[in-house]
Amino acid sequence: MKRSLFTVLVLFKINTRRFFRDKLAIFFTIGFPLIFLFVFGGLNSGNKDVSFNVALINQSDSSFAKDFVKQATDSKVLKVNPEVTDLTEAKEKMSRSEIDATIILPAQFGDTQARAQFPSGEAKILYTQNNQQSATALSSILDAQFKQINAKFVKNETPFSVTTEQINERSLSPFDYAFSGLLGFAIIGMGIFGPVNIFPELKKMGILRRLSTTPLRVWQYFLATMIGQAVIGLLALAVMFAVAIAVFHLEVVGNYFELTLFLVIGIILILGIGLALGGWAKNERQAAPLSNIIVFPMMFLSGTFFPRFLMPEWLQSVSALLPLTPVIDGIRLIATEGKHFVDILPQLGLIGIWMVIIYAIAFKVFRWE
């Protein structure tokens, strides 16, 4: 038994050294996920204040209209384009989506009517078909602002009202979803594409065939690969965590030990798919298409780049059974919600089932040449 474990240790050292000598492997394992981290981090952790790019055309000479234009220009919600001065130019910019909408203050806007002692008027919002949602939101914001102005001139009773109350619960931010999915993306890269690229090359060079003539067993080779990928994977994921915390202020509320252990489990699970594909394929022409067929559904349906709750219910039910889904869900629950292993037993159970199935297939289809 000691001799068998010594063989595993030797293979682990060889595989690890091979990885750190391969600059391309280092890039795709550590550098490539970091690129996606910065892209999605920038998209999901920027300024969340709602703002609209608009053109404001004032056709009124009233002092109220002038004050309204000044307030709108200074507003953080409305980003008024000062270069647009007429309706024709505004329509051209809306057609090119350079602005979201156009606010028109008619000639009588802000004038004081004869029967009233206060100014009045109706602002008009123009928008194109592809900016309907922005126009609806902008209309609601302006309507709320006008209600505040109206209350200064006309006192009215409000029989019904609404209040807000904050509960002491932390909800997930867009970056939390993005980061957990990016960890899953990184696990796919190191767990599947690593063996799929390496094994056919080793077969082509005849290295695996020579290893088959030794007392080396398949389980020893698999175990050495699993340990090596787990160590390399944890290193790559640790770099991603460090960047996410330092640059994008990720808050890890879960237990780091449980999170690390779960990440190892996830890496080993996905690695089984790579071992099965790489062990079965004779060359790259066989491995690459099959790996893409398996990877892309998991990449887009397991919550890697966007939340699964945005999918139709039937697709959520299907995607919940994919091997990567419980891995990403488990990471998200531990890291961002502080869950423990006892709270994610459904995810651990599904991972265990998939692990038995995947590794049974991997041992069955593996061939040395």
Protein backbone atom coordinates (compact mmCIF):
# COMPACT_ATOMS: atom_id res chain seq x y z
CA MET A 1 0.00 0.00 0.00
CA LYS A 2 2.83 2.40 0.85
CA ARG A 3 4.46 1.65 -2.49
CA SER A 4 1.21 2.41 -4.30
CA LEU A 5 0.81 5.75 -2.53
CA PHE A 6 4.47 6.55 -3.22
CA THR A 7 3.77 6.01 -6.93
CA VAL A 8 0.80 8.36 -6.69
CA LEU A 9 2.97 10.98 -5.00
CA VAL A 10 5.64 10.72 -7.69
CA LEU A 11 3.08 11.11 -10.47
CA PHE A 12 1.54 14.06 -8.62
CA LYS A 13 4.91 15.82 -8.54
CA ILE A 14 5.54 15.10 -12.22
CA ASN A 15 2.12 16.41 -13.29
CA THR A 16 2.46 19.52 -11.14
CA ARG A 17 5.90 20.34 -12.52
CA ARG A 18 4.61 19.81 -16.06
CA PHE A 19 1.82 22.30 -15.38
CA PHE A 20 4.04 25.06 -14.01
CA ARG A 21 6.43 24.64 -16.95
CA ASP A 22 3.58 25.10 -19.43
CA LYS A 23 2.94 28.85 -19.80
CA LEU A 24 -0.11 28.25 -21.96
CA ALA A 25 -1.67 25.99 -19.32
CA ILE A 26 -0.99 28.59 -16.63
CA PHE A 27 -2.68 31.27 -18.74
CA PHE A 28 -5.83 29.25 -19.42
CA THR A 29 -6.07 27.99 -15.84
CA ILE A 30 -5.34 31.24 -13.98
CA GLY A 31 -5.12 34.13 -16.44
CA PHE A 32 -8.15 33.40 -18.63
CA PRO A 33 -10.68 33.18 -15.74
CA LEU A 34 -9.23 36.43 -14.37
CA ILE A 35 -10.02 38.16 -17.66
CA PHE A 36 -13.64 37.07 -17.36
CA LEU A 37 -13.61 38.15 -13.71
CA PHE A 38 -12.60 41.69 -14.63
CA VAL A 39 -15.13 41.83 -17.49
CA PHE A 40 -18.11 40.58 -15.48
CA GLY A 41 -16.92 42.35 -12.34
CA GLY A 42 -16.90 45.65 -14.19
CA LEU A 43 -20.37 44.99 -15.57
CA ASN A 44 -21.93 43.95 -12.27
CA SER A 45 -20.20 46.02 -9.61
CA GLY A 46 -20.26 49.49 -11.07
CA ASN A 47 -22.45 52.43 -10.09
CA LYS A 48 -25.99 51.18 -9.58
CA ASP A 49 -27.64 54.63 -9.60
CA VAL A 50 -30.39 54.80 -12.23
CA SER A 51 -29.71 57.41 -14.88
CA PHE A 52 -31.09 58.27 -18.31
CA ASN A 53 -29.41 59.93 -21.27
CA VAL A 54 -31.99 62.41 -22.53
CA ALA A 55 -32.43 65.45 -24.68
CA LEU A 56 -34.36 68.33 -23.10
CA ILE A 57 -36.05 70.75 -25.48
CA ASN A 58 -37.54 73.78 -23.78
CA GLN A 59 -40.11 75.64 -25.90
CA SER A 60 -41.35 77.79 -23.01
CA ASP A 61 -40.16 81.19 -21.83
CA SER A 62 -41.60 80.86 -18.32
CA SER A 63 -39.34 81.18 -15.30
CA PHE A 64 -40.67 77.86 -13.99
CA ALA A 65 -39.58 76.07 -17.18
CA LYS A 66 -36.13 77.64 -16.94
CA ASP A 67 -35.79 76.54 -13.33
CA PHE A 68 -36.93 73.05 -14.28
CA VAL A 69 -34.29 72.85 -17.03
CA LYS A 70 -31.60 73.93 -14.56
CA GLN A 71 -32.68 71.34 -11.99
CA ALA A 72 -32.81 68.61 -14.65
CA THR A 73 -29.33 69.51 -15.87
CA ASP A 74 -27.95 69.30 -12.34
CA SER A 75 -29.80 66.05 -11.61
CA LYS A 76 -27.93 62.76 -11.20
CA VAL A 77 -30.87 60.84 -12.66
CA LEU A 78 -31.11 62.80 -15.89
CA LYS A 79 -28.01 63.16 -18.04
CA VAL A 80 -29.09 65.95 -20.37
CA ASN A 81 -27.28 66.17 -23.69
CA PRO A 82 -26.53 69.89 -24.12
CA GLU A 83 -25.73 69.52 -27.83
CA VAL A 84 -29.30 68.60 -28.81
CA THR A 85 -31.30 71.77 -29.42
CA ASP A 86 -34.10 70.77 -31.80
CA LEU A 87 -36.50 67.88 -32.23
CA THR A 88 -35.07 66.67 -35.54
CA GLU A 89 -31.62 66.18 -34.06
CA ALA A 90 -33.15 64.50 -31.01
CA LYS A 91 -35.02 61.97 -33.17
CA GLU A 92 -31.82 61.13 -35.06
CA LYS A 93 -29.95 60.46 -31.81
CA MET A 94 -32.82 58.35 -30.47
CA SER A 95 -32.86 56.29 -33.66
CA ARG A 96 -29.15 55.57 -33.14
CA SER A 97 -29.73 54.85 -29.40
CA GLU A 98 -27.37 57.66 -28.43
CA ILE A 99 -30.05 58.97 -26.05
CA ASP A 100 -32.87 57.11 -24.27
CA ALA A 101 -35.65 59.67 -24.70
CA THR A 102 -36.48 63.31 -25.37
CA ILE A 103 -38.31 65.54 -22.87
CA ILE A 104 -40.26 68.40 -24.46
CA LEU A 105 -41.52 71.36 -22.45
CA PRO A 106 -44.32 72.95 -24.58
CA ALA A 107 -44.67 76.69 -25.09
CA GLN A 108 -47.26 77.04 -22.30
CA PHE A 109 -45.34 74.92 -19.80
CA GLY A 110 -45.00 76.75 -16.47
CA ASP A 111 -47.39 79.58 -17.30
CA THR A 112 -49.79 80.73 -14.58
CA GLN A 113 -53.40 80.18 -15.65
CA ALA A 114 -56.00 82.88 -15.19
CA ARG A 115 -58.12 80.87 -12.75
CA ALA A 116 -55.17 79.55 -10.74
CA GLN A 117 -52.45 81.15 -8.69
CA PHE A 118 -49.78 78.63 -9.59
CA PRO A 119 -47.99 77.50 -12.76
CA SER A 120 -49.05 74.38 -14.65
CA GLY A 121 -48.23 72.43 -17.76
CA GLU A 122 -47.63 69.01 -19.24
CA ALA A 123 -44.19 67.69 -20.20
CA LYS A 124 -43.99 65.29 -23.11
CA ILE A 125 -41.63 62.31 -23.41
CA LEU A 126 -40.70 61.01 -26.84
CA TYR A 127 -39.08 57.60 -27.20
CA THR A 128 -38.44 54.90 -29.78
CA GLN A 129 -39.79 51.38 -29.73
CA ASN A 130 -36.53 49.81 -28.53
CA ASN A 131 -36.38 52.20 -25.51
CA GLN A 132 -39.91 51.62 -24.25
CA GLN A 133 -38.80 50.30 -20.84
CA SER A 134 -36.48 53.26 -20.24
CA ALA A 135 -39.23 55.68 -21.21
CA THR A 136 -41.67 54.01 -18.82
CA ALA A 137 -39.20 54.26 -15.96
CA LEU A 138 -38.38 57.88 -16.86
CA SER A 139 -42.09 58.75 -16.96
CA SER A 140 -42.56 57.30 -13.47
CA ILE A 141 -39.62 59.30 -12.11
CA LEU A 142 -40.84 62.58 -13.63
CA ASP A 143 -44.36 61.88 -12.42
CA ALA A 144 -43.07 61.43 -8.86
CA GLN A 145 -41.11 64.70 -9.13
CA PHE A 146 -44.14 66.58 -10.41
CA LYS A 147 -46.24 65.19 -7.55
CA GLN A 148 -43.77 66.69 -5.09
CA ILE A 149 -44.00 70.02 -6.93
CA ASN A 150 -47.82 69.84 -7.04
CA ALA A 151 -47.94 69.28 -3.28
CA LYS A 152 -46.31 72.67 -2.77
CA PHE A 153 -49.11 74.42 -4.65
CA VAL A 154 -52.15 72.25 -3.94
CA LYS A 155 -52.80 70.55 -0.61
CA ASN A 156 -54.66 67.26 -0.92
CA GLU A 157 -55.49 64.35 1.35
CA THR A 158 -53.84 60.97 0.82
CA PRO A 159 -56.15 58.24 2.22
CA PHE A 160 -53.77 55.46 1.22
CA SER A 161 -49.99 55.36 1.47
CA VAL A 162 -47.12 52.89 1.57
CA THR A 163 -44.14 52.57 3.91
CA THR A 164 -40.92 50.62 3.60
CA GLU A 165 -39.07 48.57 6.19
CA GLN A 166 -35.65 46.98 5.88
CA ILE A 167 -35.25 43.46 7.20
CA ASN A 168 -31.99 42.26 8.69
CA GLU A 169 -31.22 39.88 5.84
CA ARG A 170 -28.50 40.12 3.22
CA SER A 171 -29.56 39.55 -0.39
CA LEU A 172 -27.26 38.56 -3.22
CA SER A 173 -25.77 41.28 -5.37
CA PRO A 174 -25.31 40.91 -9.15
CA PHE A 175 -21.58 40.48 -8.62
CA ASP A 176 -22.20 37.66 -6.10
CA TYR A 177 -24.07 35.74 -8.79
CA ALA A 178 -21.46 36.57 -11.40
CA PHE A 179 -18.53 35.57 -9.19
CA SER A 180 -19.97 32.20 -8.16
CA GLY A 181 -20.65 31.45 -11.81
CA LEU A 182 -17.14 32.49 -12.80
CA LEU A 183 -15.74 30.05 -10.24
CA GLY A 184 -17.77 27.36 -11.99
CA PHE A 185 -16.38 28.51 -15.32
CA ALA A 186 -12.84 28.23 -13.96
CA ILE A 187 -13.56 24.74 -12.59
CA ILE A 188 -14.80 23.67 -16.04
CA GLY A 189 -11.62 24.96 -17.65
CA MET A 190 -9.24 23.17 -15.31
CA GLY A 191 -11.37 20.05 -14.84
CA ILE A 192 -12.37 19.24 -18.41
CA PHE A 193 -10.18 21.06 -20.89
CA GLY A 194 -7.01 20.20 -18.96
CA PRO A 195 -7.26 16.39 -19.29
CA VAL A 196 -8.90 16.64 -22.71
CA ASN A 197 -5.89 18.54 -24.03
CA ILE A 198 -3.18 16.63 -22.16
CA PHE A 199 -4.28 12.98 -22.46
CA PRO A 200 -4.47 12.81 -26.29
CA GLU A 201 -1.06 14.50 -26.48
CA LEU A 202 0.45 11.96 -24.06
CA LYS A 203 -1.07 9.15 -26.11
CA LYS A 204 0.30 10.62 -29.30
CA MET A 205 3.78 10.82 -27.77
CA GLY A 206 3.48 7.22 -26.53
CA ILE A 207 3.97 8.18 -22.88
CA LEU A 208 0.77 6.53 -21.63
CA ARG A 209 1.55 3.39 -23.62
CA ARG A 210 4.92 3.12 -21.90
CA LEU A 211 3.28 3.70 -18.52
CA SER A 212 0.87 0.85 -19.22
CA THR A 213 3.83 -1.58 -19.33
CA THR A 214 4.69 -0.70 -15.72
CA PRO A 215 2.86 -1.90 -12.59
CA LEU A 216 1.01 1.45 -12.59
CA ARG A 217 -2.76 1.06 -12.19
CA VAL A 218 -5.46 3.29 -13.60
CA TRP A 219 -6.69 4.29 -10.14
CA GLN A 220 -3.18 5.44 -9.21
CA TYR A 221 -2.93 7.57 -12.31
CA PHE A 222 -6.39 9.01 -11.71
CA LEU A 223 -5.68 9.71 -8.04
CA ALA A 224 -2.41 11.49 -8.84
CA THR A 225 -4.20 13.60 -11.45
CA MET A 226 -7.03 14.38 -9.03
CA ILE A 227 -4.65 15.54 -6.30
CA GLY A 228 -2.64 17.63 -8.75
CA GLN A 229 -5.71 19.29 -10.25
CA ALA A 230 -7.15 19.96 -6.79
CA VAL A 231 -3.96 21.74 -5.68
CA ILE A 232 -3.62 23.71 -8.92
CA GLY A 233 -7.35 24.46 -8.94
CA LEU A 234 -7.34 25.78 -5.39
CA LEU A 235 -4.38 28.00 -6.26
CA ALA A 236 -6.20 29.42 -9.29
CA LEU A 237 -9.44 29.94 -7.35
CA ALA A 238 -7.54 31.56 -4.47
CA VAL A 239 -6.16 34.11 -6.92
CA MET A 240 -9.70 34.80 -8.17
CA PHE A 241 -10.97 35.25 -4.60
CA ALA A 242 -8.09 37.60 -3.78
CA VAL A 243 -8.76 39.76 -6.84
CA ALA A 244 -12.53 39.76 -6.25
CA ILE A 245 -12.11 40.84 -2.62
CA ALA A 246 -9.41 43.44 -3.30
CA VAL A 247 -10.80 44.96 -6.48
CA PHE A 248 -14.55 44.32 -6.43
CA HIS A 249 -15.06 44.15 -2.64
CA LEU A 250 -16.54 40.68 -2.55
CA GLU A 251 -17.80 39.75 0.91
CA VAL A 252 -17.34 36.10 1.81
CA VAL A 253 -19.75 35.47 4.68
CA GLY A 254 -19.34 31.69 4.77
CA ASN A 255 -16.80 29.47 6.46
CA TYR A 256 -13.54 29.38 4.48
CA PHE A 257 -12.74 25.80 5.47
CA GLU A 258 -16.12 24.51 4.30
CA LEU A 259 -15.86 26.59 1.14
CA THR A 260 -12.38 25.21 0.39
CA LEU A 261 -13.53 21.64 0.97
CA PHE A 262 -16.55 22.14 -1.25
CA LEU A 263 -14.40 23.63 -4.02
CA VAL A 264 -12.18 20.54 -3.88
CA ILE A 265 -15.27 18.34 -4.20
CA GLY A 266 -16.46 20.39 -7.17
CA ILE A 267 -13.07 20.22 -8.89
CA ILE A 268 -12.89 16.44 -8.43
CA LEU A 269 -16.43 16.01 -9.80
CA ILE A 270 -15.84 18.04 -12.98
CA LEU A 271 -12.37 16.51 -13.37
CA GLY A 272 -14.07 13.12 -13.72
CA ILE A 273 -15.69 14.35 -16.94
CA GLY A 274 -12.31 15.43 -18.25
CA LEU A 275 -10.74 12.09 -17.30
CA ALA A 276 -13.52 10.22 -19.08
CA LEU A 277 -13.25 12.29 -22.25
CA GLY A 278 -9.46 12.49 -22.31
CA GLY A 279 -9.04 8.83 -21.36
CA TRP A 280 -11.39 7.64 -24.08
CA ALA A 281 -10.26 9.87 -26.95
CA LYS A 282 -7.41 8.69 -29.14
CA ASN A 283 -6.60 12.18 -30.43
CA GLU A 284 -7.69 15.82 -30.31
CA ARG A 285 -10.16 15.38 -33.17
CA GLN A 286 -12.20 13.01 -31.05
CA ALA A 287 -11.85 14.86 -27.74
CA ALA A 288 -12.55 18.47 -28.77
CA PRO A 289 -16.06 18.09 -30.34
CA LEU A 290 -17.31 15.80 -27.58
CA SER A 291 -16.00 18.08 -24.83
CA ASN A 292 -17.72 21.08 -26.43
CA ILE A 293 -21.01 19.19 -26.61
CA ILE A 294 -20.81 18.52 -22.87
CA VAL A 295 -19.28 21.81 -21.71
CA PHE A 296 -21.45 24.38 -23.49
CA PRO A 297 -24.85 23.23 -22.12
CA MET A 298 -23.40 23.28 -18.60
CA MET A 299 -21.73 26.63 -19.19
CA PHE A 300 -24.95 28.36 -20.25
CA LEU A 301 -27.59 26.43 -18.28
CA SER A 302 -25.92 25.95 -14.87
CA GLY A 303 -25.90 29.60 -13.81
CA THR A 304 -22.37 30.33 -14.95
CA PHE A 305 -23.03 33.69 -16.59
CA PHE A 306 -26.58 34.56 -15.48
CA PRO A 307 -28.99 33.39 -12.75
CA ARG A 308 -31.01 30.26 -13.43
CA PHE A 309 -34.19 31.86 -12.04
CA LEU A 310 -34.37 33.92 -15.24
CA MET A 311 -34.97 30.72 -17.22
CA PRO A 312 -38.41 29.17 -17.86
CA GLU A 313 -39.47 26.78 -15.10
CA TRP A 314 -39.13 23.69 -17.28
CA LEU A 315 -35.58 24.67 -18.21
CA GLN A 316 -34.75 25.32 -14.55
CA SER A 317 -35.87 21.77 -13.74
CA VAL A 318 -33.67 20.36 -16.49
CA SER A 319 -30.62 22.49 -15.70
CA ALA A 320 -30.85 21.59 -12.01
CA LEU A 321 -29.77 18.05 -12.92
CA LEU A 322 -26.57 19.09 -14.72
CA PRO A 323 -23.33 18.22 -12.85
CA LEU A 324 -22.12 21.81 -12.67
CA THR A 325 -25.37 23.23 -11.26
CA PRO A 326 -25.03 21.88 -7.68
CA VAL A 327 -21.39 22.98 -7.68
CA ILE A 328 -22.23 26.61 -8.51
CA ASP A 329 -25.28 26.61 -6.23
CA GLY A 330 -23.22 25.21 -3.36
CA ILE A 331 -20.45 27.78 -3.83
CA ARG A 332 -23.01 30.56 -3.89
CA LEU A 333 -24.83 29.34 -0.78
CA ILE A 334 -21.65 28.93 1.27
CA ALA A 335 -19.75 32.01 0.11
CA THR A 336 -22.55 34.57 -0.05
CA GLU A 337 -25.21 33.27 2.33
CA GLY A 338 -23.09 31.63 5.01
CA LYS A 339 -24.68 28.19 4.62
CA HIS A 340 -23.03 25.08 6.05
CA PHE A 341 -22.72 21.55 4.68
CA VAL A 342 -25.84 20.50 6.55
CA ASP A 343 -27.78 23.20 4.68
CA ILE A 344 -26.64 22.09 1.21
CA LEU A 345 -27.30 18.37 1.50
CA PRO A 346 -29.38 18.36 -1.74
CA GLN A 347 -26.41 19.77 -3.66
CA LEU A 348 -23.98 17.36 -2.00
CA GLY A 349 -26.29 14.44 -2.71
CA LEU A 350 -26.56 15.29 -6.40
CA ILE A 351 -22.78 15.76 -6.59
CA GLY A 352 -22.28 12.34 -4.97
CA ILE A 353 -24.61 10.66 -7.48
CA TRP A 354 -22.87 12.30 -10.42
CA MET A 355 -19.45 11.44 -9.02
CA VAL A 356 -20.29 7.74 -8.89
CA ILE A 357 -21.69 7.78 -12.43
CA ILE A 358 -18.91 9.88 -13.97
CA TYR A 359 -15.98 8.00 -12.43
CA ALA A 360 -17.55 4.62 -13.25
CA ILE A 361 -17.64 5.75 -16.88
CA ALA A 362 -14.12 7.20 -16.67
CA PHE A 363 -12.62 3.90 -15.42
CA LYS A 364 -14.62 1.95 -17.99
CA VAL A 365 -13.61 3.94 -21.09
CA PHE A 366 -10.01 4.81 -20.16
CA ARG A 367 -7.37 3.46 -22.55
CA TRP A 368 -3.63 3.91 -22.49
CA GLU A 369 -3.29 4.44 -26.23
